Amino acid sequence: MQTARFEGWERDTEVAKDTESTWTNFFIAGDDPEDEYDICVIGEPDTEFPAHFDVTGIRNGKSVIFAEGRASSFEDACHLAEIEARRASIRPID
């Protein structure tokens, strides 16, 4: 089993073509495709404007939004999104 890790924040102009303010990260919690989570934050670093975040992944073969919300700043949105990705990765053992 691989160690859980974040890939790191990168500006991503492919996710939302109408904005340059989209940042993505990827959380890998295990070896299964259902242990991979996409994280998106719309906002700009070092500003005090609100930012939006969401965390998506796959459960039972279907795309699922595990969390979404707003935060008071870009940095807070990134932090909350990472927490939510970790929470989404907690699943009962079958």
PDB file of N, CA and C in Angstrom:
ATOM      1  N   MET A   1       0.848  -1.180   0.000  1.00  0.00           N
ATOM      2  CA  MET A   1       0.000   0.000   0.000  1.00  0.00           C
ATOM      3  C   MET A   1       0.887   1.235   0.000  1.00  0.00           C
ATOM      4  N   GLN A   2       0.524   2.189  -0.822  1.00  0.00           N
ATOM      5  CA  GLN A   2       1.307   3.416  -0.888  1.00  0.00           C
ATOM      6  C   GLN A   2       0.913   4.387   0.220  1.00  0.00           C
ATOM      7  N   THR A   3       1.786   5.306   0.528  1.00  0.00           N
ATOM      8  CA  THR A   3       1.542   6.306   1.552  1.00  0.00           C
ATOM      9  C   THR A   3       0.592   7.368   1.021  1.00  0.00           C
ATOM     10  N   ALA A   4      -0.369   7.776   1.859  1.00  0.00           N
ATOM     11  CA  ALA A   4      -1.293   8.846   1.468  1.00  0.00           C
ATOM     12  C   ALA A   4      -0.510  10.122   1.233  1.00  0.00           C
ATOM     13  N   ARG A   5      -0.880  10.840   0.161  1.00  0.00           N
ATOM     14  CA  ARG A   5      -0.135  12.056  -0.160  1.00  0.00           C
ATOM     15  C   ARG A   5      -0.963  12.990  -1.034  1.00  0.00           C
ATOM     16  N   PHE A   6      -0.613  14.270  -0.952  1.00  0.00           N
ATOM     17  CA  PHE A   6      -1.153  15.281  -1.853  1.00  0.00           C
ATOM     18  C   PHE A   6      -0.107  15.518  -2.942  1.00  0.00           C
ATOM     19  N   GLU A   7      -0.569  15.766  -4.146  1.00  0.00           N
ATOM     20  CA  GLU A   7       0.349  16.024  -5.264  1.00  0.00           C
ATOM     21  C   GLU A   7       0.861  17.455  -5.269  1.00  0.00           C
ATOM     22  N   GLY A   8       0.116  18.393  -4.704  1.00  0.00           N
ATOM     23  CA  GLY A   8       0.533  19.796  -4.671  1.00  0.00           C
ATOM     24  C   GLY A   8      -0.393  20.669  -5.501  1.00  0.00           C
ATOM     25  N   TRP A   9      -0.508  21.929  -5.113  1.00  0.00           N
ATOM     26  CA  TRP A   9      -1.404  22.862  -5.788  1.00  0.00           C
ATOM     27  C   TRP A   9      -0.790  23.379  -7.085  1.00  0.00           C
ATOM     28  N   GLU A  10      -1.594  23.362  -8.147  1.00  0.00           N
ATOM     29  CA  GLU A  10      -1.176  23.882  -9.453  1.00  0.00           C
ATOM     30  C   GLU A  10      -2.321  24.680 -10.062  1.00  0.00           C
ATOM     31  N   ARG A  11      -1.965  25.790 -10.718  1.00  0.00           N
ATOM     32  CA  ARG A  11      -2.983  26.538 -11.465  1.00  0.00           C
ATOM     33  C   ARG A  11      -3.414  25.662 -12.637  1.00  0.00           C
ATOM     34  N   ASP A  12      -4.716  25.596 -12.880  1.00  0.00           N
ATOM     35  CA  ASP A  12      -5.244  24.713 -13.920  1.00  0.00           C
ATOM     36  C   ASP A  12      -6.255  25.469 -14.767  1.00  0.00           C
ATOM     37  N   THR A  13      -5.870  25.843 -15.962  1.00  0.00           N
ATOM     38  CA  THR A  13      -6.761  26.595 -16.854  1.00  0.00           C
ATOM     39  C   THR A  13      -7.683  25.678 -17.654  1.00  0.00           C
ATOM     40  N   GLU A  14      -7.527  24.358 -17.529  1.00  0.00           N
ATOM     41  CA  GLU A  14      -8.364  23.416 -18.277  1.00  0.00           C
ATOM     42  C   GLU A  14      -9.674  23.106 -17.554  1.00  0.00           C
ATOM     43  N   VAL A  15      -9.712  23.247 -16.240  1.00  0.00           N
ATOM     44  CA  VAL A  15     -10.912  22.902 -15.469  1.00  0.00           C
ATOM     45  C   VAL A  15     -12.040  23.882 -15.752  1.00  0.00           C
ATOM     46  N   ALA A  16     -11.774  25.148 -15.643  1.00  0.00           N
ATOM     47  CA  ALA A  16     -12.772  26.189 -15.907  1.00  0.00           C
ATOM     48  C   ALA A  16     -12.163  27.163 -16.907  1.00  0.00           C
ATOM     49  N   LYS A  17     -12.524  27.019 -18.133  1.00  0.00           N
ATOM     50  CA  LYS A  17     -11.900  27.787 -19.212  1.00  0.00           C
ATOM     51  C   LYS A  17     -12.131  29.288 -19.096  1.00  0.00           C
ATOM     52  N   ASP A  18     -13.151  29.697 -18.339  1.00  0.00           N
ATOM     53  CA  ASP A  18     -13.466  31.117 -18.254  1.00  0.00           C
ATOM     54  C   ASP A  18     -12.732  31.836 -17.125  1.00  0.00           C
ATOM     55  N   THR A  19     -11.851  31.142 -16.414  1.00  0.00           N
ATOM     56  CA  THR A  19     -11.139  31.801 -15.318  1.00  0.00           C
ATOM     57  C   THR A  19      -9.702  31.304 -15.216  1.00  0.00           C
ATOM     58  N   GLU A  20      -8.836  32.183 -14.819  1.00  0.00           N
ATOM     59  CA  GLU A  20      -7.437  31.847 -14.551  1.00  0.00           C
ATOM     60  C   GLU A  20      -7.235  31.551 -13.068  1.00  0.00           C
ATOM     61  N   SER A  21      -8.302  31.621 -12.291  1.00  0.00           N
ATOM     62  CA  SER A  21      -8.207  31.504 -10.836  1.00  0.00           C
ATOM     63  C   SER A  21      -8.542  30.116 -10.314  1.00  0.00           C
ATOM     64  N   THR A  22      -8.383  29.089 -11.138  1.00  0.00           N
ATOM     65  CA  THR A  22      -8.687  27.724 -10.726  1.00  0.00           C
ATOM     66  C   THR A  22      -7.400  26.994 -10.384  1.00  0.00           C
ATOM     67  N   TRP A  23      -7.375  26.384  -9.219  1.00  0.00           N
ATOM     68  CA  TRP A  23      -6.224  25.628  -8.730  1.00  0.00           C
ATOM     69  C   TRP A  23      -6.683  24.214  -8.391  1.00  0.00           C
ATOM     70  N   THR A  24      -5.851  23.233  -8.703  1.00  0.00           N
ATOM     71  CA  THR A  24      -6.205  21.853  -8.417  1.00  0.00           C
ATOM     72  C   THR A  24      -5.104  21.158  -7.628  1.00  0.00           C
ATOM     73  N   ASN A  25      -5.524  20.124  -6.936  1.00  0.00           N
ATOM     74  CA  ASN A  25      -4.626  19.266  -6.187  1.00  0.00           C
ATOM     75  C   ASN A  25      -5.215  17.870  -6.277  1.00  0.00           C
ATOM     76  N   PHE A  26      -4.436  16.876  -5.939  1.00  0.00           N
ATOM     77  CA  PHE A  26      -4.848  15.494  -6.062  1.00  0.00           C
ATOM     78  C   PHE A  26      -4.415  14.780  -4.795  1.00  0.00           C
ATOM     79  N   PHE A  27      -5.345  14.111  -4.112  1.00  0.00           N
ATOM     80  CA  PHE A  27      -5.033  13.366  -2.898  1.00  0.00           C
ATOM     81  C   PHE A  27      -5.145  11.883  -3.194  1.00  0.00           C
ATOM     82  N   ILE A  28      -4.086  11.149  -2.914  1.00  0.00           N
ATOM     83  CA  ILE A  28      -4.055   9.709  -3.125  1.00  0.00           C
ATOM     84  C   ILE A  28      -3.950   9.053  -1.753  1.00  0.00           C
ATOM     85  N   ALA A  29      -4.987   8.293  -1.385  1.00  0.00           N
ATOM     86  CA  ALA A  29      -5.038   7.688  -0.059  1.00  0.00           C
ATOM     87  C   ALA A  29      -4.734   6.196  -0.071  1.00  0.00           C
ATOM     88  N   GLY A  30      -4.614   5.592  -1.253  1.00  0.00           N
ATOM     89  CA  GLY A  30      -4.370   4.156  -1.343  1.00  0.00           C
ATOM     90  C   GLY A  30      -4.142   3.730  -2.779  1.00  0.00           C
ATOM     91  N   ASP A  31      -4.218   2.427  -3.009  1.00  0.00           N
ATOM     92  CA  ASP A  31      -3.905   1.859  -4.320  1.00  0.00           C
ATOM     93  C   ASP A  31      -5.110   1.731  -5.249  1.00  0.00           C
ATOM     94  N   ASP A  32      -6.295   1.831  -4.730  1.00  0.00           N
ATOM     95  CA  ASP A  32      -7.512   1.647  -5.513  1.00  0.00           C
ATOM     96  C   ASP A  32      -7.932   2.973  -6.159  1.00  0.00           C
ATOM     97  N   PRO A  33      -8.534   2.932  -7.341  1.00  0.00           N
ATOM     98  CA  PRO A  33      -9.027   4.181  -7.953  1.00  0.00           C
ATOM     99  C   PRO A  33     -10.017   4.937  -7.060  1.00  0.00           C
ATOM    100  N   GLU A  34     -10.716   4.225  -6.176  1.00  0.00           N
ATOM    101  CA  GLU A  34     -11.633   4.889  -5.260  1.00  0.00           C
ATOM    102  C   GLU A  34     -10.902   5.569  -4.100  1.00  0.00           C
ATOM    103  N   ASP A  35      -9.590   5.461  -4.066  1.00  0.00           N
ATOM    104  CA  ASP A  35      -8.765   6.130  -3.051  1.00  0.00           C
ATOM    105  C   ASP A  35      -8.103   7.387  -3.600  1.00  0.00           C
ATOM    106  N   GLU A  36      -8.611   7.886  -4.729  1.00  0.00           N
ATOM    107  CA  GLU A  36      -8.052   9.078  -5.366  1.00  0.00           C
ATOM    108  C   GLU A  36      -9.103  10.179  -5.373  1.00  0.00           C
ATOM    109  N   TYR A  37      -8.686  11.383  -4.977  1.00  0.00           N
ATOM    110  CA  TYR A  37      -9.613  12.499  -4.817  1.00  0.00           C
ATOM    111  C   TYR A  37      -9.093  13.722  -5.553  1.00  0.00           C
ATOM    112  N   ASP A  38      -9.960  14.328  -6.342  1.00  0.00           N
ATOM    113  CA  ASP A  38      -9.628  15.565  -7.043  1.00  0.00           C
ATOM    114  C   ASP A  38     -10.100  16.732  -6.183  1.00  0.00           C
ATOM    115  N   ILE A  39      -9.229  17.725  -6.054  1.00  0.00           N
ATOM    116  CA  ILE A  39      -9.550  18.900  -5.247  1.00  0.00           C
ATOM    117  C   ILE A  39      -9.430  20.126  -6.152  1.00  0.00           C
ATOM    118  N   CYS A  40     -10.411  20.994  -6.070  1.00  0.00           N
ATOM    119  CA  CYS A  40     -10.419  22.207  -6.886  1.00  0.00           C
ATOM    120  C   CYS A  40     -10.724  23.404  -5.998  1.00  0.00           C
ATOM    121  N   VAL A  41      -9.945  24.469  -6.160  1.00  0.00           N
ATOM    122  CA  VAL A  41     -10.203  25.725  -5.457  1.00  0.00           C
ATOM    123  C   VAL A  41     -10.236  26.837  -6.495  1.00  0.00           C
ATOM    124  N   ILE A  42     -11.264  27.659  -6.416  1.00  0.00           N
ATOM    125  CA  ILE A  42     -11.356  28.822  -7.295  1.00  0.00           C
ATOM    126  C   ILE A  42     -11.122  30.051  -6.430  1.00  0.00           C
ATOM    127  N   GLY A  43     -10.021  30.729  -6.689  1.00  0.00           N
ATOM    128  CA  GLY A  43      -9.620  31.900  -5.922  1.00  0.00           C
ATOM    129  C   GLY A  43      -8.187  32.248  -6.260  1.00  0.00           C
ATOM    130  N   GLU A  44      -7.656  33.256  -5.618  1.00  0.00           N
ATOM    131  CA  GLU A  44      -6.277  33.677  -5.861  1.00  0.00           C
ATOM    132  C   GLU A  44      -5.499  33.750  -4.557  1.00  0.00           C
ATOM    133  N   PRO A  45      -4.261  33.234  -4.568  1.00  0.00           N
ATOM    134  CA  PRO A  45      -3.420  33.302  -3.377  1.00  0.00           C
ATOM    135  C   PRO A  45      -3.159  34.754  -2.968  1.00  0.00           C
ATOM    136  N   ASP A  46      -2.931  34.926  -1.687  1.00  0.00           N
ATOM    137  CA  ASP A  46      -2.550  36.229  -1.117  1.00  0.00           C
ATOM    138  C   ASP A  46      -3.598  37.318  -1.330  1.00  0.00           C
ATOM    139  N   THR A  47      -4.858  36.925  -1.395  1.00  0.00           N
ATOM    140  CA  THR A  47      -5.944  37.898  -1.445  1.00  0.00           C
ATOM    141  C   THR A  47      -6.888  37.602  -0.286  1.00  0.00           C
ATOM    142  N   GLU A  48      -7.671  38.561   0.071  1.00  0.00           N
ATOM    143  CA  GLU A  48      -8.640  38.367   1.148  1.00  0.00           C
ATOM    144  C   GLU A  48     -10.056  38.207   0.597  1.00  0.00           C
ATOM    145  N   PHE A  49     -10.163  37.780  -0.654  1.00  0.00           N
ATOM    146  CA  PHE A  49     -11.470  37.547  -1.246  1.00  0.00           C
ATOM    147  C   PHE A  49     -11.911  36.116  -0.944  1.00  0.00           C
ATOM    148  N   PRO A  50     -13.214  35.869  -0.840  1.00  0.00           N
ATOM    149  CA  PRO A  50     -13.692  34.501  -0.620  1.00  0.00           C
ATOM    150  C   PRO A  50     -13.272  33.578  -1.763  1.00  0.00           C
ATOM    151  N   ALA A  51     -13.138  32.306  -1.452  1.00  0.00           N
ATOM    152  CA  ALA A  51     -12.769  31.299  -2.450  1.00  0.00           C
ATOM    153  C   ALA A  51     -13.702  30.100  -2.306  1.00  0.00           C
ATOM    154  N   HIS A  52     -13.896  29.388  -3.394  1.00  0.00           N
ATOM    155  CA  HIS A  52     -14.754  28.208  -3.422  1.00  0.00           C
ATOM    156  C   HIS A  52     -13.881  26.968  -3.527  1.00  0.00           C
ATOM    157  N   PHE A  53     -14.318  25.863  -2.898  1.00  0.00           N
ATOM    158  CA  PHE A  53     -13.578  24.606  -3.023  1.00  0.00           C
ATOM    159  C   PHE A  53     -14.539  23.449  -3.236  1.00  0.00           C
ATOM    160  N   ASP A  54     -14.050  22.377  -3.850  1.00  0.00           N
ATOM    161  CA  ASP A  54     -14.793  21.124  -3.904  1.00  0.00           C
ATOM    162  C   ASP A  54     -13.829  19.951  -3.950  1.00  0.00           C
ATOM    163  N   VAL A  55     -14.330  18.818  -3.469  1.00  0.00           N
ATOM    164  CA  VAL A  55     -13.567  17.568  -3.435  1.00  0.00           C
ATOM    165  C   VAL A  55     -14.432  16.516  -4.103  1.00  0.00           C
ATOM    166  N   THR A  56     -13.908  15.868  -5.148  1.00  0.00           N
ATOM    167  CA  THR A  56     -14.647  14.831  -5.851  1.00  0.00           C
ATOM    168  C   THR A  56     -13.823  13.550  -5.905  1.00  0.00           C
ATOM    169  N   GLY A  57     -14.519  12.454  -6.117  1.00  0.00           N
ATOM    170  CA  GLY A  57     -13.867  11.151  -6.238  1.00  0.00           C
ATOM    171  C   GLY A  57     -14.852  10.155  -6.806  1.00  0.00           C
ATOM    172  N   ILE A  58     -14.518   8.890  -6.685  1.00  0.00           N
ATOM    173  CA  ILE A  58     -15.357   7.826  -7.231  1.00  0.00           C
ATOM    174  C   ILE A  58     -15.774   6.886  -6.106  1.00  0.00           C
ATOM    175  N   ARG A  59     -17.061   6.535  -6.068  1.00  0.00           N
ATOM    176  CA  ARG A  59     -17.591   5.525  -5.171  1.00  0.00           C
ATOM    177  C   ARG A  59     -18.525   4.643  -5.967  1.00  0.00           C
ATOM    178  N   ASN A  60     -18.311   3.341  -5.855  1.00  0.00           N
ATOM    179  CA  ASN A  60     -19.148   2.358  -6.556  1.00  0.00           C
ATOM    180  C   ASN A  60     -19.251   2.665  -8.047  1.00  0.00           C
ATOM    181  N   GLY A  61     -18.141   3.117  -8.633  1.00  0.00           N
ATOM    182  CA  GLY A  61     -18.084   3.372 -10.062  1.00  0.00           C
ATOM    183  C   GLY A  61     -18.709   4.678 -10.517  1.00  0.00           C
ATOM    184  N   LYS A  62     -19.146   5.511  -9.580  1.00  0.00           N
ATOM    185  CA  LYS A  62     -19.792   6.773  -9.952  1.00  0.00           C
ATOM    186  C   LYS A  62     -19.053   7.954  -9.337  1.00  0.00           C
ATOM    187  N   SER A  63     -19.030   9.071 -10.069  1.00  0.00           N
ATOM    188  CA  SER A  63     -18.412  10.296  -9.576  1.00  0.00           C
ATOM    189  C   SER A  63     -19.266  10.875  -8.447  1.00  0.00           C
ATOM    190  N   VAL A  64     -18.586  11.269  -7.370  1.00  0.00           N
ATOM    191  CA  VAL A  64     -19.267  11.772  -6.179  1.00  0.00           C
ATOM    192  C   VAL A  64     -18.607  13.075  -5.738  1.00  0.00           C
ATOM    193  N   ILE A  65     -19.425  14.055  -5.371  1.00  0.00           N
ATOM    194  CA  ILE A  65     -18.904  15.268  -4.740  1.00  0.00           C
ATOM    195  C   ILE A  65     -18.939  15.014  -3.237  1.00  0.00           C
ATOM    196  N   PHE A  66     -17.764  14.946  -2.633  1.00  0.00           N
ATOM    197  CA  PHE A  66     -17.684  14.666  -1.202  1.00  0.00           C
ATOM    198  C   PHE A  66     -17.840  15.929  -0.360  1.00  0.00           C
ATOM    199  N   ALA A  67     -17.393  17.039  -0.882  1.00  0.00           N
ATOM    200  CA  ALA A  67     -17.492  18.287  -0.128  1.00  0.00           C
ATOM    201  C   ALA A  67     -17.405  19.456  -1.090  1.00  0.00           C
ATOM    202  N   GLU A  68     -18.061  20.536  -0.728  1.00  0.00           N
ATOM    203  CA  GLU A  68     -17.915  21.792  -1.434  1.00  0.00           C
ATOM    204  C   GLU A  68     -18.307  22.905  -0.485  1.00  0.00           C
ATOM    205  N   GLY A  69     -17.727  24.059  -0.710  1.00  0.00           N
ATOM    206  CA  GLY A  69     -18.045  25.170   0.169  1.00  0.00           C
ATOM    207  C   GLY A  69     -17.243  26.406  -0.170  1.00  0.00           C
ATOM    208  N   ARG A  70     -17.368  27.407   0.701  1.00  0.00           N
ATOM    209  CA  ARG A  70     -16.657  28.666   0.534  1.00  0.00           C
ATOM    210  C   ARG A  70     -15.837  28.917   1.786  1.00  0.00           C
ATOM    211  N   ALA A  71     -14.784  29.669   1.598  1.00  0.00           N
ATOM    212  CA  ALA A  71     -13.938  30.074   2.713  1.00  0.00           C
ATOM    213  C   ALA A  71     -13.606  31.544   2.543  1.00  0.00           C
ATOM    214  N   SER A  72     -13.120  32.159   3.600  1.00  0.00           N
ATOM    215  CA  SER A  72     -12.873  33.600   3.576  1.00  0.00           C
ATOM    216  C   SER A  72     -11.658  33.994   2.747  1.00  0.00           C
ATOM    217  N   SER A  73     -10.776  33.022   2.447  1.00  0.00           N
ATOM    218  CA  SER A  73      -9.591  33.318   1.636  1.00  0.00           C
ATOM    219  C   SER A  73      -9.176  32.077   0.862  1.00  0.00           C
ATOM    220  N   PHE A  74      -8.293  32.263  -0.089  1.00  0.00           N
ATOM    221  CA  PHE A  74      -7.756  31.156  -0.882  1.00  0.00           C
ATOM    222  C   PHE A  74      -7.058  30.144   0.017  1.00  0.00           C
ATOM    223  N   GLU A  75      -6.229  30.632   0.918  1.00  0.00           N
ATOM    224  CA  GLU A  75      -5.467  29.743   1.794  1.00  0.00           C
ATOM    225  C   GLU A  75      -6.392  28.918   2.675  1.00  0.00           C
ATOM    226  N   ASP A  76      -7.448  29.553   3.207  1.00  0.00           N
ATOM    227  CA  ASP A  76      -8.411  28.815   4.025  1.00  0.00           C
ATOM    228  C   ASP A  76      -9.149  27.773   3.195  1.00  0.00           C
ATOM    229  N   ALA A  77      -9.505  28.111   1.961  1.00  0.00           N
ATOM    230  CA  ALA A  77     -10.195  27.165   1.087  1.00  0.00           C
ATOM    231  C   ALA A  77      -9.306  25.954   0.798  1.00  0.00           C
ATOM    232  N   CYS A  78      -8.024  26.182   0.538  1.00  0.00           N
ATOM    233  CA  CYS A  78      -7.098  25.069   0.297  1.00  0.00           C
ATOM    234  C   CYS A  78      -7.014  24.174   1.527  1.00  0.00           C
ATOM    235  N   HIS A  79      -6.893  24.789   2.690  1.00  0.00           N
ATOM    236  CA  HIS A  79      -6.783  24.031   3.933  1.00  0.00           C
ATOM    237  C   HIS A  79      -8.052  23.202   4.184  1.00  0.00           C
ATOM    238  N   LEU A  80      -9.217  23.828   4.044  1.00  0.00           N
ATOM    239  CA  LEU A  80     -10.471  23.109   4.255  1.00  0.00           C
ATOM    240  C   LEU A  80     -10.643  21.978   3.239  1.00  0.00           C
ATOM    241  N   ALA A  81     -10.280  22.217   1.988  1.00  0.00           N
ATOM    242  CA  ALA A  81     -10.402  21.189   0.953  1.00  0.00           C
ATOM    243  C   ALA A  81      -9.512  19.984   1.267  1.00  0.00           C
ATOM    244  N   GLU A  82      -8.313  20.234   1.764  1.00  0.00           N
ATOM    245  CA  GLU A  82      -7.423  19.125   2.132  1.00  0.00           C
ATOM    246  C   GLU A  82      -8.001  18.330   3.301  1.00  0.00           C
ATOM    247  N   ILE A  83      -8.574  19.011   4.273  1.00  0.00           N
ATOM    248  CA  ILE A  83      -9.217  18.312   5.393  1.00  0.00           C
ATOM    249  C   ILE A  83     -10.370  17.453   4.885  1.00  0.00           C
ATOM    250  N   GLU A  84     -11.193  18.018   4.008  1.00  0.00           N
ATOM    251  CA  GLU A  84     -12.341  17.277   3.476  1.00  0.00           C
ATOM    252  C   GLU A  84     -11.899  16.081   2.630  1.00  0.00           C
ATOM    253  N   ALA A  85     -10.806  16.203   1.906  1.00  0.00           N
ATOM    254  CA  ALA A  85     -10.301  15.065   1.131  1.00  0.00           C
ATOM    255  C   ALA A  85      -9.870  13.940   2.071  1.00  0.00           C
ATOM    256  N   ARG A  86      -9.196  14.305   3.152  1.00  0.00           N
ATOM    257  CA  ARG A  86      -8.813  13.278   4.132  1.00  0.00           C
ATOM    258  C   ARG A  86     -10.045  12.623   4.737  1.00  0.00           C
ATOM    259  N   ARG A  87     -11.060  13.422   5.067  1.00  0.00           N
ATOM    260  CA  ARG A  87     -12.300  12.871   5.606  1.00  0.00           C
ATOM    261  C   ARG A  87     -12.974  11.923   4.613  1.00  0.00           C
ATOM    262  N   ALA A  88     -12.992  12.305   3.353  1.00  0.00           N
ATOM    263  CA  ALA A  88     -13.627  11.470   2.327  1.00  0.00           C
ATOM    264  C   ALA A  88     -12.926  10.128   2.205  1.00  0.00           C
ATOM    265  N   SER A  89     -11.642  10.086   2.513  1.00  0.00           N
ATOM    266  CA  SER A  89     -10.885   8.845   2.352  1.00  0.00           C
ATOM    267  C   SER A  89     -11.148   7.842   3.481  1.00  0.00           C
ATOM    268  N   ILE A  90     -11.802   8.272   4.549  1.00  0.00           N
ATOM    269  CA  ILE A  90     -12.085   7.381   5.677  1.00  0.00           C
ATOM    270  C   ILE A  90     -13.337   6.571   5.329  1.00  0.00           C
ATOM    271  N   ARG A  91     -13.135   5.273   5.184  1.00  0.00           N
ATOM    272  CA  ARG A  91     -14.234   4.391   4.838  1.00  0.00           C
ATOM    273  C   ARG A  91     -14.227   3.175   5.761  1.00  0.00           C
ATOM    274  N   PRO A  92     -15.400   2.600   6.027  1.00  0.00           N
ATOM    275  CA  PRO A  92     -15.417   1.395   6.861  1.00  0.00           C
ATOM    276  C   PRO A  92     -14.739   0.235   6.141  1.00  0.00           C
ATOM    277  N   ILE A  93     -14.141  -0.626   6.906  1.00  0.00           N
ATOM    278  CA  ILE A  93     -13.492  -1.815   6.338  1.00  0.00           C
ATOM    279  C   ILE A  93     -14.544  -2.878   6.128  1.00  0.00           C
ATOM    280  N   ASP A  94     -14.577  -3.419   4.921  1.00  0.00           N
ATOM    281  CA  ASP A  94     -15.569  -4.466   4.590  1.00  0.00           C
ATOM    282  C   ASP A  94     -15.185  -5.795   5.210  1.00  0.00           C
TER     283      ASP A  94
END
